[in-house]
N, C-alpha and C. Protein backbone atom coordinates (compact mmCIF):
# COMPACT_ATOMS: atom_id res chain seq x y z
N UNK A 1 -141.39 161.40 -263.71
CA UNK A 1 -140.52 159.92 -263.69
C UNK A 1 -141.12 158.54 -264.33
N UNK A 2 -139.95 157.66 -265.21
CA UNK A 2 -140.31 157.75 -266.73
C UNK A 2 -140.99 155.58 -265.97
N UNK A 3 -141.10 154.97 -266.82
CA UNK A 3 -141.38 153.93 -267.19
C UNK A 3 -141.04 152.59 -266.07
N UNK A 4 -139.75 152.62 -266.63
CA UNK A 4 -139.02 151.82 -265.88
C UNK A 4 -138.34 151.97 -264.68
N UNK A 5 -138.28 153.04 -264.02
CA UNK A 5 -137.93 154.09 -262.25
C UNK A 5 -139.63 153.08 -261.78
N UNK A 6 -140.36 153.39 -261.97
CA UNK A 6 -142.07 153.39 -261.69
C UNK A 6 -141.97 152.14 -261.06
N UNK A 7 -141.98 151.31 -262.26
CA UNK A 7 -141.96 150.25 -261.79
C UNK A 7 -140.96 149.20 -261.07
N UNK A 8 -139.72 149.45 -260.88
CA UNK A 8 -138.79 149.17 -259.76
C UNK A 8 -139.11 149.99 -258.57
N UNK A 9 -140.29 151.35 -258.44
CA UNK A 9 -140.17 151.33 -257.06
C UNK A 9 -141.19 150.48 -257.06
N UNK A 10 -142.27 150.02 -257.15
CA UNK A 10 -143.46 149.24 -256.70
C UNK A 10 -142.35 147.88 -256.87
N UNK A 11 -141.72 147.91 -257.68
CA UNK A 11 -141.29 146.09 -256.58
C UNK A 11 -140.84 146.45 -255.58
N UNK A 12 -139.61 147.90 -255.33
CA UNK A 12 -139.28 147.35 -254.11
C UNK A 12 -139.92 147.77 -253.17
N UNK A 13 -141.36 148.31 -253.16
CA UNK A 13 -142.69 148.23 -252.21
C UNK A 13 -142.89 147.44 -251.88
N UNK A 14 -142.89 146.12 -252.63
CA UNK A 14 -143.47 144.85 -253.09
C UNK A 14 -142.58 144.12 -251.77
N UNK A 15 -141.34 144.53 -251.83
CA UNK A 15 -140.04 143.30 -251.64
C UNK A 15 -139.86 143.61 -249.87
N UNK A 16 -140.01 144.83 -249.83
CA UNK A 16 -140.09 145.07 -248.66
C UNK A 16 -141.56 144.48 -247.85
N UNK A 17 -142.82 144.97 -248.56
CA UNK A 17 -144.07 144.20 -247.80
C UNK A 17 -143.79 142.66 -247.27
N UNK A 18 -143.11 142.16 -248.63
CA UNK A 18 -142.96 141.16 -248.08
C UNK A 18 -141.98 139.74 -247.38
N UNK A 19 -141.07 141.38 -246.91
CA UNK A 19 -140.22 140.84 -245.84
C UNK A 19 -140.63 140.83 -244.37
N UNK A 20 -141.81 141.99 -244.82
CA UNK A 20 -142.84 141.85 -242.98
C UNK A 20 -142.50 141.07 -242.47
N UNK A 21 -142.00 141.15 -241.24
CA UNK A 21 -142.33 139.64 -239.94
C UNK A 21 -143.97 139.59 -239.22
N UNK A 22 -143.79 139.14 -238.77
CA UNK A 22 -145.54 138.68 -238.25
C UNK A 22 -145.29 137.89 -236.73
N UNK A 23 -146.00 138.28 -235.63
CA UNK A 23 -145.39 138.42 -233.98
C UNK A 23 -146.51 137.16 -233.85
N UNK A 24 -146.49 136.25 -232.47
CA UNK A 24 -146.96 135.51 -232.25
C UNK A 24 -146.50 133.59 -233.13
N UNK A 25 -147.82 132.83 -232.66
CA UNK A 25 -147.70 131.55 -233.03
C UNK A 25 -146.61 130.73 -232.04
N UNK A 26 -146.39 130.00 -232.37
CA UNK A 26 -145.06 129.31 -231.14
C UNK A 26 -143.11 129.31 -232.05
N UNK A 27 -142.94 128.69 -231.05
CA UNK A 27 -141.85 128.86 -231.58
C UNK A 27 -141.36 127.66 -232.05
N UNK A 28 -139.53 127.12 -232.27
CA UNK A 28 -139.11 125.49 -232.65
C UNK A 28 -139.93 124.45 -231.85
N UNK A 29 -139.76 125.00 -230.83
CA UNK A 29 -140.33 123.59 -229.55
C UNK A 29 -141.66 123.38 -229.15
N UNK A 30 -143.01 124.40 -230.43
CA UNK A 30 -144.26 124.50 -230.38
C UNK A 30 -144.82 125.49 -229.18
N UNK A 31 -144.11 125.58 -228.36
CA UNK A 31 -144.27 126.13 -227.23
C UNK A 31 -144.64 127.84 -228.03
N UNK A 32 -146.10 128.32 -226.80
CA UNK A 32 -146.43 129.46 -227.60
C UNK A 32 -145.70 130.66 -226.56
N UNK A 33 -145.46 131.48 -227.85
CA UNK A 33 -145.05 133.11 -227.45
C UNK A 33 -145.74 133.98 -227.76
N UNK A 34 -145.04 135.61 -227.67
CA UNK A 34 -145.93 136.77 -227.51
C UNK A 34 -146.04 137.52 -226.27
N UNK A 35 -145.51 136.74 -225.12
CA UNK A 35 -145.40 137.44 -224.48
C UNK A 35 -144.16 137.97 -224.05
N UNK A 36 -143.41 139.09 -223.59
CA UNK A 36 -142.05 139.51 -223.27
C UNK A 36 -141.67 139.01 -222.26
N UNK A 37 -140.05 138.40 -222.15
CA UNK A 37 -139.07 137.63 -221.93
C UNK A 37 -138.93 138.50 -220.42
N UNK A 38 -139.13 140.12 -220.36
CA UNK A 38 -138.98 140.64 -219.08
C UNK A 38 -137.21 141.75 -218.90
N UNK A 39 -135.96 140.38 -220.14
CA UNK A 39 -135.33 140.92 -220.93
C UNK A 39 -135.47 142.43 -221.04
N UNK A 40 -134.47 143.27 -221.89
CA UNK A 40 -134.01 144.35 -222.55
C UNK A 40 -135.57 144.56 -223.14
N UNK A 41 -135.99 143.13 -223.87
CA UNK A 41 -136.92 143.37 -225.25
C UNK A 41 -138.15 144.37 -224.28
N UNK A 42 -138.30 143.93 -223.16
CA UNK A 42 -138.86 144.72 -222.60
C UNK A 42 -138.94 146.12 -223.00
N UNK A 43 -138.14 146.44 -223.03
CA UNK A 43 -137.59 148.09 -222.60
C UNK A 43 -138.34 148.79 -224.71
N UNK A 44 -138.61 148.06 -225.58
CA UNK A 44 -139.13 148.22 -226.43
C UNK A 44 -140.88 147.98 -226.58
N UNK A 45 -141.10 147.41 -225.59
CA UNK A 45 -142.82 146.70 -225.60
C UNK A 45 -143.95 148.12 -225.59
N UNK A 46 -143.44 149.36 -225.93
CA UNK A 46 -144.44 150.68 -225.87
C UNK A 46 -145.13 150.51 -227.27
N UNK A 47 -146.49 150.58 -226.87
CA UNK A 47 -147.60 150.86 -228.14
C UNK A 47 -147.79 149.43 -228.64
N UNK A 48 -148.39 148.98 -229.27
CA UNK A 48 -148.71 148.05 -230.77
C UNK A 48 -147.89 147.29 -231.40
N UNK A 49 -146.99 148.50 -231.80
CA UNK A 49 -146.07 148.21 -232.61
C UNK A 49 -144.91 147.50 -232.48
N UNK A 50 -144.18 148.17 -231.38
CA UNK A 50 -143.15 148.20 -230.25
C UNK A 50 -143.46 146.28 -229.25
N UNK A 51 -144.61 146.33 -229.04
CA UNK A 51 -144.66 145.25 -228.00
C UNK A 51 -144.80 143.84 -229.51
N UNK A 52 -145.56 144.14 -230.51
CA UNK A 52 -145.44 142.85 -231.77
C UNK A 52 -143.87 143.01 -232.04
N UNK A 53 -143.07 143.57 -231.52
CA UNK A 53 -141.57 143.33 -232.11
C UNK A 53 -141.23 142.65 -230.75
N UNK A 54 -141.31 143.23 -229.60
CA UNK A 54 -140.67 142.98 -228.63
C UNK A 54 -141.04 141.11 -227.79
N UNK A 55 -142.06 141.38 -228.46
CA UNK A 55 -142.69 140.21 -227.75
C UNK A 55 -143.13 138.98 -229.36
N UNK A 56 -142.17 138.82 -229.65
CA UNK A 56 -141.96 138.11 -231.24
C UNK A 56 -141.56 136.23 -231.05
N UNK A 57 -140.72 136.12 -229.70
CA UNK A 57 -140.03 135.30 -229.37
C UNK A 57 -139.55 135.71 -227.85
N UNK A 58 -138.26 134.63 -227.69
CA UNK A 58 -137.71 134.15 -226.78
C UNK A 58 -136.26 135.00 -227.11
N UNK A 59 -135.36 136.45 -225.81
CA UNK A 59 -134.35 136.98 -226.27
C UNK A 59 -133.56 135.75 -226.38
N UNK A 60 -132.24 135.43 -227.60
CA UNK A 60 -130.82 134.96 -227.68
C UNK A 60 -130.13 135.34 -226.52
N UNK A 61 -128.32 134.47 -225.97
CA UNK A 61 -128.14 134.80 -225.28
C UNK A 61 -127.00 136.18 -225.86
N UNK A 62 -125.99 136.24 -225.20
CA UNK A 62 -125.08 137.36 -225.69
C UNK A 62 -124.59 137.35 -226.37
N UNK A 63 -124.34 135.59 -227.07
CA UNK A 63 -123.05 135.70 -227.90
C UNK A 63 -124.07 135.53 -229.36
N UNK A 64 -124.90 134.63 -229.35
CA UNK A 64 -125.81 135.15 -230.25
C UNK A 64 -126.33 137.08 -231.10
N UNK A 65 -126.25 137.13 -230.14
CA UNK A 65 -126.77 139.15 -229.70
C UNK A 65 -125.85 139.44 -230.41
N UNK A 66 -124.52 139.45 -229.99
CA UNK A 66 -123.59 140.33 -230.28
C UNK A 66 -123.18 139.66 -231.93
N UNK A 67 -123.02 138.58 -232.37
CA UNK A 67 -123.02 138.23 -233.40
C UNK A 67 -124.06 138.89 -234.88
N UNK A 68 -125.46 139.13 -234.41
CA UNK A 68 -126.42 139.28 -234.77
C UNK A 68 -125.78 140.87 -234.94
N UNK A 69 -125.62 141.50 -234.10
CA UNK A 69 -125.33 143.14 -233.44
C UNK A 69 -124.02 143.70 -234.39
N UNK A 70 -123.29 142.68 -234.79
CA UNK A 70 -121.74 142.81 -235.78
C UNK A 70 -122.17 142.71 -236.95
N UNK A 71 -123.41 141.76 -237.77
CA UNK A 71 -123.70 141.54 -238.48
C UNK A 71 -124.80 142.82 -239.08
N UNK A 72 -125.85 143.42 -238.49
CA UNK A 72 -126.40 144.37 -238.68
C UNK A 72 -125.42 145.75 -239.15
N UNK A 73 -125.08 146.11 -237.63
CA UNK A 73 -123.71 147.57 -237.96
C UNK A 73 -123.13 147.37 -239.08
N UNK A 74 -122.78 145.83 -239.90
CA UNK A 74 -122.26 146.36 -240.79
C UNK A 74 -122.83 146.41 -242.44
N UNK A 75 -124.38 146.37 -242.08
CA UNK A 75 -124.93 146.04 -243.31
C UNK A 75 -125.10 147.94 -243.01
N UNK A 76 -125.13 147.98 -242.32
CA UNK A 76 -125.99 149.52 -242.25
C UNK A 76 -124.97 150.53 -242.65
N UNK A 77 -124.11 150.22 -242.04
CA UNK A 77 -122.53 150.85 -242.60
C UNK A 77 -122.81 150.63 -244.24
N UNK A 78 -122.45 149.14 -244.26
CA UNK A 78 -122.65 149.49 -245.86
C UNK A 78 -123.88 150.24 -246.91
N UNK A 79 -124.32 150.18 -246.25
CA UNK A 79 -126.09 150.26 -246.54
C UNK A 79 -126.32 152.05 -247.00
N UNK A 80 -125.07 152.74 -246.22
CA UNK A 80 -125.15 154.52 -245.26
C UNK A 80 -123.76 154.78 -246.67
N UNK A 81 -122.83 153.98 -246.71
CA UNK A 81 -121.74 154.55 -247.96
C UNK A 81 -122.20 153.90 -249.44
N UNK A 82 -122.97 153.12 -249.44
CA UNK A 82 -123.77 152.32 -250.92
C UNK A 82 -122.90 151.68 -251.55
N UNK A 83 -121.92 151.13 -250.58
CA UNK A 83 -121.10 149.45 -250.39
C UNK A 83 -122.26 148.40 -250.76
N UNK A 84 -122.58 148.61 -251.79
CA UNK A 84 -123.46 147.60 -252.13
C UNK A 84 -122.60 145.83 -252.36
N UNK A 85 -121.12 145.51 -252.60
CA UNK A 85 -121.53 143.96 -252.29
C UNK A 85 -121.06 143.95 -250.71
N UNK A 86 -120.81 144.54 -250.23
CA UNK A 86 -120.80 144.50 -248.37
C UNK A 86 -122.34 144.76 -247.90
N UNK A 87 -122.64 145.21 -248.52
CA UNK A 87 -124.46 144.89 -247.63
C UNK A 87 -125.09 143.85 -248.21
N UNK A 88 -125.15 143.39 -249.30
CA UNK A 88 -125.26 141.92 -249.68
C UNK A 88 -124.83 140.79 -249.36
N UNK A 89 -123.25 141.32 -249.10
CA UNK A 89 -122.59 139.88 -247.92
C UNK A 89 -123.47 139.64 -246.71
N UNK A 90 -123.78 140.95 -245.92
CA UNK A 90 -124.61 140.38 -245.19
C UNK A 90 -126.31 140.36 -244.26
N UNK A 91 -126.92 140.22 -245.96
CA UNK A 91 -128.29 139.48 -245.98
C UNK A 91 -128.72 138.02 -245.81
N UNK A 92 -128.75 137.37 -245.57
CA UNK A 92 -129.75 136.34 -245.78
C UNK A 92 -129.44 135.67 -246.69
N UNK A 93 -129.64 134.03 -246.55
CA UNK A 93 -129.50 133.89 -248.53
C UNK A 93 -131.00 133.99 -248.98
N UNK A 94 -132.13 133.32 -248.44
CA UNK A 94 -133.76 134.18 -248.62
C UNK A 94 -133.48 135.34 -248.66
N UNK A 95 -133.06 136.52 -248.01
CA UNK A 95 -133.32 137.97 -248.24
C UNK A 95 -132.87 139.01 -249.85
N UNK A 96 -131.69 137.68 -250.13
CA UNK A 96 -130.83 137.97 -251.37
C UNK A 96 -132.12 136.92 -252.42
N UNK A 97 -132.77 136.28 -252.47
CA UNK A 97 -133.01 135.48 -253.18
C UNK A 97 -134.58 135.80 -253.43
N UNK A 98 -135.23 137.15 -252.43
CA UNK A 98 -136.15 137.93 -252.31
C UNK A 98 -135.93 138.69 -253.24
N UNK A 99 -134.70 139.68 -252.96
CA UNK A 99 -134.26 140.45 -253.63
C UNK A 99 -133.61 140.82 -255.56
N UNK A 100 -133.24 139.10 -255.74
CA UNK A 100 -133.13 138.71 -257.08
C UNK A 100 -134.23 139.06 -257.94
N UNK A 101 -135.09 137.50 -257.12
CA UNK A 101 -136.06 137.34 -257.42
C UNK A 101 -137.30 138.35 -257.89
N UNK A 102 -138.70 138.33 -257.50
CA UNK A 102 -139.81 138.95 -257.77
C UNK A 102 -140.05 140.74 -257.56
N UNK A 103 -138.78 140.60 -256.91
CA UNK A 103 -138.46 141.35 -255.97
C UNK A 103 -137.82 143.25 -257.01
N UNK A 104 -136.77 142.73 -257.71
CA UNK A 104 -135.93 143.57 -257.78
C UNK A 104 -136.10 143.08 -259.84
N UNK A 105 -135.01 142.98 -260.21
CA UNK A 105 -135.22 143.10 -261.93
C UNK A 105 -134.81 141.94 -262.60
N UNK A 106 -134.62 140.91 -261.54
CA UNK A 106 -134.31 139.14 -261.77
C UNK A 106 -132.70 139.21 -261.87
N UNK A 107 -132.09 140.83 -261.03
CA UNK A 107 -130.23 141.20 -261.68
C UNK A 107 -129.49 140.17 -260.45
N UNK A 108 -128.28 140.65 -259.90
CA UNK A 108 -127.33 140.46 -258.93
C UNK A 108 -128.15 141.00 -257.78
N UNK A 109 -127.73 140.89 -256.30
CA UNK A 109 -128.12 141.45 -255.55
C UNK A 109 -127.17 143.35 -255.78
N UNK A 110 -125.99 142.69 -256.11
CA UNK A 110 -125.97 144.38 -255.49
C UNK A 110 -126.58 145.34 -256.43
N UNK A 111 -126.87 144.63 -258.15
CA UNK A 111 -126.90 145.08 -258.91
C UNK A 111 -128.38 146.07 -258.49
N UNK A 112 -129.27 145.15 -257.82
CA UNK A 112 -130.64 145.23 -257.21
C UNK A 112 -130.71 146.62 -256.05
N UNK A 113 -129.49 146.61 -255.32
CA UNK A 113 -129.53 147.49 -254.97
C UNK A 113 -128.70 148.79 -254.95
N UNK A 114 -128.44 148.16 -255.77
CA UNK A 114 -128.16 149.76 -256.46
C UNK A 114 -129.10 150.90 -257.46
N UNK A 115 -129.98 149.82 -258.10
CA UNK A 115 -130.79 150.82 -258.68
C UNK A 115 -131.82 151.54 -258.21
N UNK A 116 -132.24 150.30 -256.79
CA UNK A 116 -132.61 150.74 -256.65
C UNK A 116 -132.82 151.84 -255.20
N UNK A 117 -131.50 152.29 -255.08
CA UNK A 117 -131.11 153.68 -254.59
C UNK A 117 -130.33 154.69 -255.83
N UNK A 118 -131.09 154.81 -256.30
CA UNK A 118 -130.61 155.10 -257.70
C UNK A 118 -131.72 156.51 -257.81
N UNK A 119 -131.50 157.46 -257.78
CA UNK A 119 -129.45 158.03 -257.91
C UNK A 119 -129.79 158.26 -255.78
N UNK A 120 -128.22 157.91 -255.98
CA UNK A 120 -127.78 158.29 -254.85
C UNK A 120 -128.00 158.76 -253.85
N UNK A 121 -127.54 159.99 -254.34
CA UNK A 121 -127.38 161.59 -253.66
C UNK A 121 -128.97 161.67 -252.82
N UNK A 122 -130.47 161.36 -253.56
CA UNK A 122 -131.46 161.38 -253.21
C UNK A 122 -131.91 160.84 -252.30
N UNK A 123 -131.08 159.51 -252.19
CA UNK A 123 -131.90 158.50 -251.57
C UNK A 123 -130.64 158.12 -250.21
N UNK A 124 -130.19 158.90 -249.70
CA UNK A 124 -129.04 159.29 -248.89
C UNK A 124 -129.74 159.03 -247.39
N UNK A 125 -130.84 159.73 -247.58
CA UNK A 125 -131.15 160.20 -246.10
C UNK A 125 -131.56 158.74 -245.81
N UNK A 126 -132.38 158.92 -246.70
CA UNK A 126 -133.31 156.41 -246.22
C UNK A 126 -132.20 155.62 -245.32
N UNK A 127 -131.46 155.52 -247.03
CA UNK A 127 -130.09 154.88 -246.59
C UNK A 127 -129.21 155.17 -245.27
N UNK A 128 -129.83 155.97 -244.48
CA UNK A 128 -129.20 156.79 -243.31
C UNK A 128 -128.62 155.70 -242.54
N UNK A 129 -127.34 155.23 -241.46
CA UNK A 129 -127.04 154.46 -240.55
C UNK A 129 -127.81 154.68 -238.97
N UNK A 130 -129.22 154.34 -238.73
CA UNK A 130 -129.79 154.39 -237.26
C UNK A 130 -129.27 154.50 -235.99
N UNK A 131 -128.45 153.07 -235.80
CA UNK A 131 -127.50 152.37 -235.14
C UNK A 131 -126.67 153.58 -234.39
N UNK A 132 -126.92 153.52 -233.17
CA UNK A 132 -126.01 154.67 -231.94
C UNK A 132 -125.31 153.42 -231.25
N UNK A 133 -125.34 152.26 -231.60
CA UNK A 133 -124.65 151.36 -230.59
C UNK A 133 -125.11 149.99 -230.96
N UNK A 134 -124.97 149.20 -230.02
CA UNK A 134 -124.83 147.68 -230.29
C UNK A 134 -126.31 147.50 -229.78
N UNK A 135 -127.09 146.31 -230.72
CA UNK A 135 -128.47 146.06 -230.38
C UNK A 135 -128.29 145.41 -229.33
N UNK A 136 -129.81 145.95 -228.16
CA UNK A 136 -130.28 145.90 -227.01
C UNK A 136 -130.85 143.93 -226.73
N UNK A 137 -131.38 143.73 -227.51
CA UNK A 137 -131.83 142.47 -227.84
C UNK A 137 -132.28 141.76 -228.86
N UNK A 138 -132.07 140.48 -229.16
CA UNK A 138 -132.24 140.02 -230.38
C UNK A 138 -133.46 138.80 -229.32
N UNK A 139 -134.57 139.15 -230.41
CA UNK A 139 -136.00 138.01 -229.57
C UNK A 139 -136.09 137.49 -231.00
N UNK A 140 -135.48 135.36 -230.92
CA UNK A 140 -135.92 135.11 -231.62
C UNK A 140 -136.97 134.39 -231.60
N UNK A 141 -137.25 133.42 -232.34
CA UNK A 141 -138.92 132.32 -232.92
C UNK A 141 -137.86 131.38 -234.06
N UNK A 142 -137.48 130.79 -233.26
CA UNK A 142 -137.13 129.40 -235.00
C UNK A 142 -135.55 129.84 -235.78
N UNK A 143 -135.82 129.85 -237.14
CA UNK A 143 -134.45 130.44 -237.59
C UNK A 143 -135.22 132.14 -238.10
N UNK A 144 -136.16 132.75 -237.88
CA UNK A 144 -136.46 133.86 -237.81
C UNK A 144 -135.72 134.84 -236.42
N UNK A 145 -135.54 136.11 -236.19
CA UNK A 145 -136.07 137.10 -235.02
C UNK A 145 -135.59 138.74 -234.88
N UNK A 146 -135.26 139.41 -234.46
CA UNK A 146 -135.67 140.93 -234.50
C UNK A 146 -134.62 141.04 -233.91
N UNK A 147 -133.40 142.00 -233.95
CA UNK A 147 -132.49 142.98 -233.97
C UNK A 147 -133.17 143.94 -233.24
N UNK A 148 -133.04 144.66 -232.01
CA UNK A 148 -133.84 144.98 -231.21
C UNK A 148 -132.46 146.40 -230.84
N UNK A 149 -132.95 148.07 -231.31
CA UNK A 149 -131.95 148.66 -230.73
C UNK A 149 -132.41 150.14 -230.58
N UNK A 150 -131.87 150.64 -229.65
CA UNK A 150 -131.73 152.24 -229.96
C UNK A 150 -131.45 152.57 -231.04
N UNK A 151 -131.78 154.12 -231.37
CA UNK A 151 -130.61 154.64 -232.25
C UNK A 151 -130.80 156.52 -232.31
N UNK A 152 -130.39 157.14 -233.25
CA UNK A 152 -130.67 158.23 -233.05
C UNK A 152 -131.16 158.77 -232.76
N UNK A 153 -131.10 160.31 -232.35
CA UNK A 153 -132.47 160.39 -232.51
C UNK A 153 -133.58 160.17 -231.15
N UNK A 154 -132.83 159.48 -230.29
CA UNK A 154 -133.90 158.78 -229.30
C UNK A 154 -134.75 157.93 -229.52
N UNK A 155 -134.40 157.27 -231.18
CA UNK A 155 -135.92 156.24 -232.10
C UNK A 155 -135.04 155.07 -232.07
N UNK A 156 -136.20 154.05 -231.77
CA UNK A 156 -136.33 152.72 -230.81
C UNK A 156 -136.55 152.48 -232.45
N UNK A 157 -135.76 150.86 -232.61
CA UNK A 157 -136.05 150.20 -233.94
C UNK A 157 -135.85 148.54 -233.95
N UNK A 158 -136.18 148.25 -235.02
CA UNK A 158 -136.22 146.72 -234.90
C UNK A 158 -135.64 146.34 -236.52
N UNK A 159 -135.30 145.28 -236.45
CA UNK A 159 -134.70 144.36 -237.94
C UNK A 159 -134.79 143.49 -238.34
N UNK A 160 -135.11 142.90 -238.88
CA UNK A 160 -135.76 141.21 -239.10
C UNK A 160 -134.73 140.68 -239.52
N UNK A 161 -134.40 139.54 -238.65
CA UNK A 161 -132.53 138.57 -239.08
C UNK A 161 -132.78 137.71 -238.90
N UNK A 162 -132.39 136.68 -239.95
CA UNK A 162 -132.53 135.26 -239.93
C UNK A 162 -131.46 134.80 -240.15
N UNK A 163 -131.58 133.37 -239.70
CA UNK A 163 -130.19 132.60 -239.21
C UNK A 163 -129.80 132.01 -240.32
N UNK A 164 -129.01 131.84 -240.99
CA UNK A 164 -128.47 131.50 -242.38
C UNK A 164 -127.23 130.78 -241.88
N UNK A 165 -127.40 129.32 -242.14
CA UNK A 165 -125.84 128.49 -241.43
C UNK A 165 -124.91 128.74 -239.91
N UNK A 166 -126.03 128.60 -239.62
CA UNK A 166 -125.70 128.97 -238.46
C UNK A 166 -125.38 130.71 -238.18
N UNK A 167 -125.34 131.63 -238.98
CA UNK A 167 -125.31 132.85 -238.49
C UNK A 167 -126.23 133.62 -238.10
N UNK A 168 -126.92 135.20 -237.90
CA UNK A 168 -127.53 135.67 -238.03
C UNK A 168 -127.14 136.36 -239.36
N UNK A 169 -128.01 137.25 -240.10
CA UNK A 169 -127.96 137.58 -241.44
C UNK A 169 -129.10 138.99 -241.33
N UNK A 170 -129.11 139.37 -242.30
CA UNK A 170 -130.16 140.87 -242.11
C UNK A 170 -131.25 140.19 -243.47
N UNK A 171 -132.04 140.38 -242.69
CA UNK A 171 -133.61 140.01 -243.53
C UNK A 171 -134.09 140.94 -243.96
N UNK A 172 -134.41 141.86 -244.26
CA UNK A 172 -135.05 142.60 -245.08
C UNK A 172 -133.63 144.38 -245.17
N UNK A 173 -134.24 145.32 -245.57
CA UNK A 173 -133.57 146.64 -246.71
C UNK A 173 -133.53 147.54 -245.44
N UNK A 174 -134.68 147.05 -244.94
CA UNK A 174 -135.11 148.49 -243.94
C UNK A 174 -135.62 148.52 -242.86
N UNK A 175 -134.96 149.04 -241.79
CA UNK A 175 -135.05 148.98 -240.82
C UNK A 175 -136.89 149.88 -240.08
N UNK A 176 -137.27 149.11 -239.09
CA UNK A 176 -138.88 149.25 -239.08
C UNK A 176 -138.47 150.48 -237.80
N UNK A 177 -138.39 151.26 -237.85
CA UNK A 177 -139.27 152.65 -236.89
C UNK A 177 -140.18 151.79 -235.89
N UNK A 178 -139.50 151.98 -234.49
CA UNK A 178 -140.76 151.84 -233.69
C UNK A 178 -141.40 152.33 -232.51
N UNK A 179 -140.89 153.93 -232.18
CA UNK A 179 -140.68 155.00 -231.14
C UNK A 179 -140.00 155.61 -232.29
């Protein structure tokens, strides 16, 4: 592995680590969070990792959940087929800025995504779309949330979502496998 590719790989790992969210705290109203609402999110509250994401905040309503689900589905399908332009369109402005800044090469979102995935044939497995249907819950706290969904091969997943000009956008490049 040459030095430039190693530097890019280390940068990508730093980027992914910087995008990871934390649970607990309070929501936009100052109310304590960390307890599951008992809704669909409770399906994901198994083990320490699952509980962290299921208990992140309160469950959003159906309209927000559906919009977030459509955006996440578009993002993951684009990632799988190496459609960098579409994947960038579904990322939040904050995620794009992080990607274009210290986590990337200082280039555009599309250029950085392509560079991180090269050689594209060898990254196909990690870029696979794990969704098997719409998200089950969108757990939110202020402008951040997690889309929780049941995926292929009976695994459960979470993905950071960020509210961006009234729409939920994807806030990370990789899904978090919960089980």
